[in-house]
């Protein structure tokens, strides 16, 4: 492999969100180190930011127990190839972005090779698999976290000082609001439906959400279509609903003009809140999956909004509570109860302030990485 002047970084992100945050980190690091080089596993955004792309995350994402088992051979081949590529590149540092199933294996191996390891966006070990922390503490030289409670968690429970940089979504969403053109989606007030990204979860939750649309005929309900799923899948589910449509690759444009949203659990709950959109958090899994999750996940809330604020800011309708009647009641309050809307607006402001305390997360993370390597 060609020898390069300047600091060499090897970055691994295995999902779309990691590609986004990785790309913004690369941009910020290039400001501090214009001669730095980046070789990466990620996606289009990291490539556009200047990284040499080795593998696209489309070839890496296996979600769910059965999918992982069925693709074990591919996963192990990817791990072996990744190790060979890192050794050939000889990076000054390895930057791992979330994606713990793959990245923690690489971290353990890389530590044995004497490679310096920075982890940006911690695995959610405070929710489950806390036993991973002992290995993480041994292998990771610098941990950068994006949720404010994570700093206290690692210090108080594990005697590990990590750096809190703020949440990178704050800046991403501010940029979308201030600098992106708005494409109007409806003349009616809009309610956004974000039922998830996987076909299996959409089949469970979207039909329940759709039944609610019949109670609010003065509103246009718009589904954020998941990338990779055929339009025919949505067309079939939306038959008979006159005030429901869907959009592709326009989730942020949709949230910018929504009066309320029904959102499945995950990062989307935080994105919705940062856009200032009143939301109901919706979760329902198979009875077996839910029973297992209750046994292994040790957190009070399922939405990031409530976890960060450590109180029930947004309503969570989980499993048997996720019914059309309950969603209708909650949505009614979000749309027509001035006191509820005012309380939510105040809590959303406090949430954003909390996540913005450190300034621009990508810039802070970049400076910490550069300073760490220079020390």
Protein backbone atom coordinates (compact mmCIF):
# COMPACT_ATOMS: atom_id res chain seq x y z
CA UNK A 1 0.00 0.00 0.00
CA UNK A 2 1.27 3.49 -0.88
CA UNK A 3 3.09 5.36 1.92
CA UNK A 4 1.40 8.67 2.73
CA UNK A 5 2.67 11.83 4.40
CA UNK A 6 0.51 13.22 7.19
CA UNK A 7 -1.51 11.50 9.92
CA UNK A 8 -3.33 8.37 8.78
CA UNK A 9 -6.71 7.41 10.27
CA UNK A 10 -8.70 4.23 9.73
CA UNK A 11 -12.41 4.73 10.50
CA UNK A 12 -15.08 2.03 10.76
CA UNK A 13 -18.83 2.82 10.71
CA UNK A 14 -21.34 0.11 9.86
CA UNK A 15 -24.65 1.97 9.56
CA UNK A 16 -26.21 5.04 7.94
CA UNK A 17 -26.07 7.06 11.18
CA UNK A 18 -22.40 6.18 11.63
CA UNK A 19 -21.72 7.27 8.05
CA UNK A 20 -23.35 10.65 8.78
CA UNK A 21 -21.52 11.27 12.04
CA UNK A 22 -18.26 9.87 10.64
CA UNK A 23 -18.45 12.23 7.67
CA UNK A 24 -18.90 15.28 9.90
CA UNK A 25 -16.00 14.13 12.08
CA UNK A 26 -13.76 13.80 9.00
CA UNK A 27 -14.70 17.31 7.84
CA UNK A 28 -13.87 18.74 11.27
CA UNK A 29 -10.57 16.84 11.46
CA UNK A 30 -9.54 18.06 8.00
CA UNK A 31 -9.84 21.64 9.26
CA UNK A 32 -7.37 20.84 12.05
CA UNK A 33 -5.16 18.53 9.97
CA UNK A 34 -5.44 19.40 6.26
CA UNK A 35 -2.82 16.78 5.36
CA UNK A 36 -4.57 13.93 7.23
CA UNK A 37 -5.64 10.80 5.33
CA UNK A 38 -8.73 8.70 6.02
CA UNK A 39 -9.38 5.12 4.98
CA UNK A 40 -12.86 3.98 5.93
CA UNK A 41 -15.65 1.48 6.17
CA UNK A 42 -18.80 3.59 5.89
CA UNK A 43 -20.92 5.08 3.15
CA UNK A 44 -21.38 7.79 0.56
CA UNK A 45 -21.17 10.66 3.06
CA UNK A 46 -17.79 9.60 4.41
CA UNK A 47 -16.52 9.17 0.88
CA UNK A 48 -17.78 12.64 -0.07
CA UNK A 49 -16.01 14.03 3.02
CA UNK A 50 -12.71 12.76 1.61
CA UNK A 51 -12.28 9.22 2.93
CA UNK A 52 -11.07 6.36 0.75
CA UNK A 53 -13.96 3.89 1.06
CA UNK A 54 -13.01 0.24 1.55
CA UNK A 55 -16.45 -1.27 2.30
CA UNK A 56 -19.93 0.22 2.14
CA UNK A 57 -22.19 -0.27 5.17
CA UNK A 58 -24.85 -1.75 2.84
CA UNK A 59 -22.68 -4.89 2.76
CA UNK A 60 -22.33 -5.03 6.55
CA UNK A 61 -25.71 -4.47 8.17
CA UNK A 62 -27.19 -7.71 9.44
CA UNK A 63 -29.88 -6.91 12.00
CA UNK A 64 -31.68 -9.46 14.12
CA UNK A 65 -30.53 -12.76 15.61
CA UNK A 66 -31.55 -14.97 12.68
CA UNK A 67 -29.96 -12.67 10.09
CA UNK A 68 -26.69 -12.62 12.00
CA UNK A 69 -26.59 -16.42 12.31
CA UNK A 70 -27.37 -16.87 8.61
CA UNK A 71 -24.57 -14.48 7.63
CA UNK A 72 -21.86 -15.58 10.07
CA UNK A 73 -19.54 -16.69 7.27
CA UNK A 74 -19.76 -13.25 5.62
CA UNK A 75 -19.25 -11.49 8.95
CA UNK A 76 -16.11 -13.50 9.76
CA UNK A 77 -14.77 -12.90 6.23
CA UNK A 78 -15.33 -9.16 6.71
CA UNK A 79 -13.51 -9.23 10.06
CA UNK A 80 -10.54 -11.06 8.54
CA UNK A 81 -10.37 -8.70 5.56
CA UNK A 82 -10.64 -5.65 7.83
CA UNK A 83 -7.70 -6.81 9.96
CA UNK A 84 -5.55 -7.42 6.88
CA UNK A 85 -6.44 -4.01 5.46
CA UNK A 86 -5.62 -2.20 8.72
CA UNK A 87 -2.22 -3.91 8.94
CA UNK A 88 -1.43 -3.00 5.35
CA UNK A 89 -2.49 0.65 5.85
CA UNK A 90 -0.54 1.08 9.14
CA UNK A 91 -2.77 3.85 10.57
CA UNK A 92 -1.64 6.25 13.30
CA UNK A 93 -5.01 5.66 14.95
CA UNK A 94 -8.16 3.59 14.54
CA UNK A 95 -11.47 5.45 15.00
CA UNK A 96 -14.47 3.22 15.67
CA UNK A 97 -17.96 4.74 15.28
CA UNK A 98 -20.70 2.90 17.25
CA UNK A 99 -21.49 -0.49 15.50
CA UNK A 100 -20.38 -2.53 18.54
CA UNK A 101 -20.86 -6.11 17.33
CA UNK A 102 -18.11 -5.60 14.73
CA UNK A 103 -16.11 -2.75 16.18
CA UNK A 104 -15.50 -4.22 19.63
CA UNK A 105 -14.00 -7.34 18.03
CA UNK A 106 -11.73 -5.13 15.95
CA UNK A 107 -10.81 -3.06 19.05
CA UNK A 108 -9.70 -6.14 20.98
CA UNK A 109 -7.57 -7.32 18.07
CA UNK A 110 -6.13 -3.85 17.31
CA UNK A 111 -5.04 -3.40 20.92
CA UNK A 112 -2.93 -6.55 20.57
CA UNK A 113 -1.30 -4.99 17.49
CA UNK A 114 -0.34 -1.85 19.42
CA UNK A 115 -2.68 0.40 17.43
CA UNK A 116 -4.15 3.43 19.24
CA UNK A 117 -7.94 3.18 19.44
CA UNK A 118 -10.50 5.97 19.69
CA UNK A 119 -14.18 5.05 20.07
CA UNK A 120 -16.69 7.71 18.99
CA UNK A 121 -20.32 7.11 20.06
CA UNK A 122 -20.34 4.47 22.75
CA UNK A 123 -22.21 1.17 22.51
CA UNK A 124 -25.33 1.40 24.69
CA UNK A 125 -23.87 -0.77 27.44
CA UNK A 126 -25.91 1.12 30.04
CA UNK A 127 -28.99 -0.57 28.53
CA UNK A 128 -27.68 -4.08 27.98
CA UNK A 129 -24.46 -6.13 27.75
CA UNK A 130 -22.79 -4.09 30.51
CA UNK A 131 -20.25 -6.90 30.83
CA UNK A 132 -18.64 -5.52 27.65
CA UNK A 133 -17.28 -2.53 29.58
CA UNK A 134 -14.38 -4.39 31.21
CA UNK A 135 -12.98 -5.31 27.80
CA UNK A 136 -13.75 -1.84 26.39
CA UNK A 137 -11.86 -0.16 29.22
CA UNK A 138 -8.81 -2.35 28.55
CA UNK A 139 -8.80 -1.89 24.77
CA UNK A 140 -10.01 1.65 24.08
CA UNK A 141 -7.50 4.46 24.57
CA UNK A 142 -9.99 7.33 24.20
CA UNK A 143 -13.78 7.06 24.53
CA UNK A 144 -15.95 9.93 23.23
CA UNK A 145 -19.63 9.79 24.28
CA UNK A 146 -22.59 11.76 22.95
CA UNK A 147 -25.22 11.34 25.70
CA UNK A 148 -24.72 13.44 28.85
CA UNK A 149 -25.54 10.66 31.33
CA UNK A 150 -22.93 8.35 29.79
CA UNK A 151 -20.04 10.31 31.31
CA UNK A 152 -21.42 9.77 34.83
CA UNK A 153 -22.29 6.14 34.06
CA UNK A 154 -18.76 5.19 33.05
CA UNK A 155 -17.13 7.20 35.85
CA UNK A 156 -19.42 6.15 38.71
CA UNK A 157 -20.03 2.53 37.77
CA UNK A 158 -16.75 1.62 36.06
CA UNK A 159 -14.19 4.19 37.30
CA UNK A 160 -13.53 5.17 33.68
CA UNK A 161 -13.12 8.81 32.67
CA UNK A 162 -14.61 9.34 29.21
CA UNK A 163 -15.16 12.58 27.28
CA UNK A 164 -18.64 13.97 26.59
CA UNK A 165 -18.69 15.92 23.32
CA UNK A 166 -22.40 16.69 22.91
CA UNK A 167 -24.75 15.09 20.39
CA UNK A 168 -23.83 15.52 16.70
CA UNK A 169 -27.50 15.43 15.64
CA UNK A 170 -28.03 18.92 17.14
CA UNK A 171 -25.78 20.48 14.50
CA UNK A 172 -27.04 18.23 11.70
CA UNK A 173 -30.65 19.24 12.40
CA UNK A 174 -29.82 22.93 12.86
CA UNK A 175 -28.20 22.81 9.43
CA UNK A 176 -31.28 21.12 7.92
CA UNK A 177 -33.58 23.78 9.41
CA UNK A 178 -31.46 26.80 8.53
CA UNK A 179 -29.81 25.87 5.23
CA UNK A 180 -31.96 23.34 3.37
CA UNK A 181 -34.88 24.42 1.12
CA UNK A 182 -38.33 23.33 2.32
CA UNK A 183 -40.40 21.27 -0.11
CA UNK A 184 -44.07 21.59 0.83
CA UNK A 185 -45.78 18.20 1.15
CA UNK A 186 -49.43 19.08 1.83
CA UNK A 187 -51.92 21.93 2.10
CA UNK A 188 -53.37 20.24 5.20
CA UNK A 189 -51.59 20.17 8.58
CA UNK A 190 -49.26 17.16 8.59
CA UNK A 191 -48.83 14.27 11.02
CA UNK A 192 -45.61 12.32 10.40
CA UNK A 193 -45.54 8.53 10.70
CA UNK A 194 -42.10 7.04 11.36
CA UNK A 195 -42.75 3.30 11.77
CA UNK A 196 -39.13 2.14 11.50
CA UNK A 197 -36.75 0.85 8.86
CA UNK A 198 -37.22 -2.92 8.87
CA UNK A 199 -40.10 -4.64 7.12
CA UNK A 200 -40.89 -6.82 10.11
CA UNK A 201 -41.35 -3.93 12.54
CA UNK A 202 -43.25 -1.82 10.00
CA UNK A 203 -45.77 -4.64 9.44
CA UNK A 204 -46.52 -4.66 13.17
CA UNK A 205 -46.68 -0.92 13.93
CA UNK A 206 -47.79 0.87 10.77
CA UNK A 207 -51.29 -0.75 10.57
CA UNK A 208 -51.99 0.45 14.12
CA UNK A 209 -50.81 3.96 13.26
CA UNK A 210 -52.90 4.01 10.09
CA UNK A 211 -56.13 3.29 11.96
CA UNK A 212 -55.61 6.56 13.85
CA UNK A 213 -55.66 8.53 10.58
CA UNK A 214 -59.38 7.80 10.21
CA UNK A 215 -60.04 9.86 13.35
CA UNK A 216 -58.23 12.95 12.04
CA UNK A 217 -59.61 13.57 8.56
CA UNK A 218 -58.50 17.21 8.59
CA UNK A 219 -54.86 16.15 8.69
CA UNK A 220 -52.56 14.61 6.11
CA UNK A 221 -50.67 11.62 7.55
CA UNK A 222 -47.36 11.07 5.76
CA UNK A 223 -45.21 7.96 6.19
CA UNK A 224 -41.42 8.26 6.01
CA UNK A 225 -40.56 5.36 3.72
CA UNK A 226 -37.56 3.26 4.73
CA UNK A 227 -34.71 3.12 2.20
CA UNK A 228 -34.50 -0.22 0.43
CA UNK A 229 -38.17 -1.15 0.73
CA UNK A 230 -40.35 -1.28 -2.40
CA UNK A 231 -43.11 1.25 -2.94
CA UNK A 232 -45.49 -1.68 -3.53
CA UNK A 233 -45.01 -2.69 0.12
CA UNK A 234 -46.37 0.69 1.26
CA UNK A 235 -48.99 0.94 -1.51
CA UNK A 236 -50.60 -2.27 -0.29
CA UNK A 237 -50.67 -1.15 3.36
CA UNK A 238 -52.03 2.34 2.57
CA UNK A 239 -55.00 1.12 0.48
CA UNK A 240 -58.26 2.68 1.64
CA UNK A 241 -56.66 5.55 3.57
CA UNK A 242 -57.51 8.74 1.70
CA UNK A 243 -55.52 11.07 3.96
CA UNK A 244 -52.31 9.00 4.09
CA UNK A 245 -49.33 9.15 1.72
CA UNK A 246 -45.60 8.48 1.91
CA UNK A 247 -42.31 10.14 0.99
CA UNK A 248 -38.86 8.75 0.21
CA UNK A 249 -35.57 10.22 1.47
CA UNK A 250 -37.40 13.21 2.94
CA UNK A 251 -37.66 12.45 6.66
CA UNK A 252 -36.16 15.77 7.75
CA UNK A 253 -38.22 17.72 5.22
CA UNK A 254 -41.29 15.89 6.57
CA UNK A 255 -40.49 16.64 10.22
CA UNK A 256 -39.88 20.32 9.48
CA UNK A 257 -43.52 20.75 8.48
CA UNK A 258 -45.24 18.32 10.85
CA UNK A 259 -47.60 19.37 13.64
CA UNK A 260 -47.15 16.01 15.41
CA UNK A 261 -45.57 12.61 14.83
CA UNK A 262 -46.01 8.93 15.69
CA UNK A 263 -42.49 7.53 16.01
CA UNK A 264 -41.06 4.10 16.63
CA UNK A 265 -38.37 3.88 19.32
CA UNK A 266 -34.76 4.66 18.38
CA UNK A 267 -32.78 7.68 17.19
CA UNK A 268 -35.88 8.97 15.36
CA UNK A 269 -37.45 9.90 18.72
CA UNK A 270 -34.53 12.27 19.39
CA UNK A 271 -34.51 13.66 15.84
CA UNK A 272 -38.25 14.40 16.11
CA UNK A 273 -37.75 16.23 19.41
CA UNK A 274 -34.86 18.30 18.05
CA UNK A 275 -37.15 19.45 15.24
CA UNK A 276 -39.57 20.53 17.97
CA UNK A 277 -42.34 18.17 16.80
CA UNK A 278 -44.73 16.81 19.49
CA UNK A 279 -44.55 13.01 19.34
CA UNK A 280 -45.97 9.74 20.61
CA UNK A 281 -43.38 6.96 20.88
CA UNK A 282 -44.70 3.63 19.59
CA UNK A 283 -43.18 0.22 20.21
CA UNK A 284 -44.52 -3.27 19.69
CA UNK A 285 -42.61 -6.50 19.10
CA UNK A 286 -43.47 -10.19 19.09
CA UNK A 287 -44.46 -11.46 22.57
CA UNK A 288 -41.31 -13.60 22.72
CA UNK A 289 -38.97 -10.78 21.65
CA UNK A 290 -40.62 -8.40 24.11
CA UNK A 291 -40.32 -10.91 26.98
CA UNK A 292 -36.61 -11.40 26.22
CA UNK A 293 -36.04 -7.65 25.92
CA UNK A 294 -37.65 -7.02 29.32
CA UNK A 295 -35.27 -9.52 30.91
CA UNK A 296 -32.03 -8.24 29.37
CA UNK A 297 -32.60 -4.47 29.00
CA UNK A 298 -32.32 -2.49 32.22
CA UNK A 299 -33.57 1.02 31.46
CA UNK A 300 -36.57 3.05 32.64
CA UNK A 301 -37.58 4.35 29.21
CA UNK A 302 -37.27 3.23 25.59
CA UNK A 303 -37.02 6.68 23.96
CA UNK A 304 -33.78 8.64 23.94
CA UNK A 305 -35.72 11.81 24.80
CA UNK A 306 -36.92 10.41 28.12
CA UNK A 307 -33.62 8.67 28.87
CA UNK A 308 -31.63 11.87 28.42
CA UNK A 309 -34.07 14.00 30.41
CA UNK A 310 -34.58 11.23 32.98
CA UNK A 311 -38.34 11.81 33.05
CA UNK A 312 -41.38 11.01 30.86
CA UNK A 313 -41.23 14.00 28.48
CA UNK A 314 -42.90 12.12 25.61
CA UNK A 315 -45.55 9.44 25.96
CA UNK A 316 -44.36 5.89 25.34
CA UNK A 317 -46.97 3.37 24.23
CA UNK A 318 -45.33 -0.03 24.57
CA UNK A 319 -46.59 -3.47 23.53
CA UNK A 320 -50.20 -4.00 24.73
CA UNK A 321 -50.57 -0.22 25.33
CA UNK A 322 -50.02 0.47 21.62
CA UNK A 323 -53.64 0.57 20.47
CA UNK A 324 -55.45 2.93 18.05
CA UNK A 325 -57.53 4.23 20.97
CA UNK A 326 -54.50 5.13 23.11
CA UNK A 327 -52.66 6.74 20.21
CA UNK A 328 -55.78 8.75 19.31
CA UNK A 329 -56.07 10.08 22.87
CA UNK A 330 -52.40 11.08 23.01
CA UNK A 331 -52.44 12.66 19.56
CA UNK A 332 -55.57 14.61 20.45
CA UNK A 333 -53.74 16.12 23.42
CA UNK A 334 -50.65 16.97 21.39
CA UNK A 335 -52.71 18.72 18.73
CA UNK A 336 -55.32 20.50 20.84
CA UNK A 337 -54.17 20.85 24.46
CA UNK A 338 -52.31 24.19 24.85
CA UNK A 339 -50.86 23.27 28.26
CA UNK A 340 -49.45 19.97 26.97
CA UNK A 341 -47.93 21.73 23.96
CA UNK A 342 -46.33 24.40 26.16
CA UNK A 343 -44.85 21.83 28.58
CA UNK A 344 -43.42 19.85 25.68
CA UNK A 345 -41.89 22.95 24.09
CA UNK A 346 -40.12 23.80 27.36
CA UNK A 347 -38.82 20.26 27.78
CA UNK A 348 -37.61 20.14 24.18
CA UNK A 349 -35.69 23.39 24.71
CA UNK A 350 -34.07 21.98 27.86
CA UNK A 351 -33.17 18.82 25.94
CA UNK A 352 -31.50 20.75 23.14
CA UNK A 353 -29.63 22.97 25.62
CA UNK A 354 -28.35 19.88 27.43
CA UNK A 355 -27.10 18.29 24.22
CA UNK A 356 -25.53 21.55 23.01
CA UNK A 357 -23.54 22.45 26.13
CA UNK A 358 -20.25 21.39 24.58
CA UNK A 359 -20.79 23.29 21.33
CA UNK A 360 -20.37 21.56 17.98
CA UNK A 361 -19.98 17.84 18.80
CA UNK A 362 -18.02 16.93 15.65
CA UNK A 363 -15.58 19.80 16.14
CA UNK A 364 -15.04 18.97 19.80
CA UNK A 365 -14.52 15.28 19.01
CA UNK A 366 -12.02 16.18 16.27
CA UNK A 367 -10.01 18.42 18.60
CA UNK A 368 -9.93 15.78 21.35
CA UNK A 369 -8.66 13.17 18.87
CA UNK A 370 -5.95 15.44 17.44
CA UNK A 371 -4.84 16.55 20.94
CA UNK A 372 -4.81 12.95 22.17
CA UNK A 373 -2.50 11.82 19.37
CA UNK A 374 -0.22 14.83 19.88
CA UNK A 375 0.16 14.21 23.64
